[in-house]
Amino acid sequence: MAEGKFDYQSFSQEQEGLDFGKMKKCPYCSKPIPEDAISCYYCGKLIDDNDSARPAWFVWTAIILVVSFFLFFLLFL
């Protein structure tokens, strides 16, 4: 393979590592997909397994509140 070239032939011969024995429902369209799938085959949406992550607006709001309370007590007390 030449330097800087992508070898499409060897890439297409690799096996896809999905386990079709263990299935789960897509949270968007409820169709069965492999448990380790990254996106749904039917609706195309990305599957996010990290449900415990907080939205960015929540984190920024908490940071602003903490900083504002700290500045309030620092400046006025």
Protein backbone atom coordinates (compact mmCIF):
# COMPACT_ATOMS: atom_id res chain seq x y z
CA MET A 1 0.00 0.00 0.00
CA ALA A 2 1.36 3.41 -0.93
CA GLU A 3 2.07 5.95 1.79
CA GLY A 4 -0.97 8.10 2.62
CA LYS A 5 -3.44 5.90 0.70
CA PHE A 6 -6.35 4.12 2.33
CA ASP A 7 -6.59 0.40 1.58
CA TYR A 8 -10.29 -0.05 0.82
CA GLN A 9 -9.94 -3.70 -0.12
CA SER A 10 -8.58 -4.83 3.23
CA PHE A 11 -11.07 -2.61 5.07
CA SER A 12 -14.08 -4.14 3.29
CA GLN A 13 -12.90 -7.67 4.17
CA GLU A 14 -12.95 -7.02 7.93
CA GLN A 15 -15.81 -8.50 9.89
CA GLU A 16 -18.31 -6.20 11.51
CA GLY A 17 -18.11 -6.70 15.27
CA LEU A 18 -21.81 -6.48 16.14
CA ASP A 19 -23.42 -9.23 18.17
CA PHE A 20 -26.84 -9.95 16.68
CA GLY A 21 -27.57 -12.53 19.40
CA LYS A 22 -28.23 -9.79 21.95
CA MET A 23 -30.80 -7.27 20.83
CA LYS A 24 -32.38 -4.15 22.35
CA LYS A 25 -35.04 -1.71 21.20
CA CYS A 26 -34.11 1.57 19.56
CA PRO A 27 -35.22 4.38 21.92
CA TYR A 28 -36.54 6.38 18.94
CA CYS A 29 -38.33 3.91 16.65
CA SER A 30 -38.57 0.80 18.95
CA LYS A 31 -37.17 -1.55 16.29
CA PRO A 32 -34.73 -4.29 17.39
CA ILE A 33 -31.03 -3.42 17.02
CA PRO A 34 -27.86 -5.07 18.40
CA GLU A 35 -26.97 -4.04 21.98
CA ASP A 36 -23.59 -2.69 20.88
CA ALA A 37 -24.92 -0.69 17.91
CA ILE A 38 -23.87 2.95 17.63
CA SER A 39 -26.79 3.99 15.44
CA CYS A 40 -30.14 2.53 14.51
CA TYR A 41 -30.31 0.70 11.19
CA TYR A 42 -33.91 1.73 10.65
CA CYS A 43 -34.22 5.39 11.67
CA GLY A 44 -30.51 6.28 11.47
CA LYS A 45 -30.37 8.09 14.81
CA LEU A 46 -27.34 7.77 17.06
CA ILE A 47 -27.85 5.65 20.17
CA ASP A 48 -26.56 7.36 23.32
CA ASP A 49 -25.77 4.81 26.03
CA ASN A 50 -24.61 7.50 28.45
CA ASP A 51 -28.00 8.42 29.95
CA SER A 52 -26.43 9.81 33.13
CA ALA A 53 -24.75 12.75 31.37
CA ARG A 54 -26.21 16.15 32.17
CA PRO A 55 -27.10 18.62 29.41
CA ALA A 56 -24.61 21.42 28.81
CA TRP A 57 -27.08 24.14 29.83
CA PHE A 58 -27.50 22.51 33.24
CA VAL A 59 -23.75 22.42 33.88
CA TRP A 60 -23.27 26.05 32.79
CA THR A 61 -26.19 27.21 34.93
CA ALA A 62 -24.73 25.48 37.98
CA ILE A 63 -21.29 27.03 37.33
CA ILE A 64 -22.77 30.53 36.95
CA LEU A 65 -24.80 30.15 40.16
CA VAL A 66 -21.82 28.97 42.19
CA VAL A 67 -19.58 31.75 40.89
CA SER A 68 -22.26 34.42 41.46
CA PHE A 69 -22.85 33.27 45.07
CA PHE A 70 -19.11 33.24 45.70
CA LEU A 71 -18.72 36.78 44.30
CA PHE A 72 -21.75 38.01 46.27
CA PHE A 73 -20.33 36.78 49.58
CA LEU A 74 -16.84 37.97 48.70
CA LEU A 75 -17.91 41.51 47.74
CA PHE A 76 -20.76 42.21 50.17
CA LEU A 77 -19.68 40.49 53.38
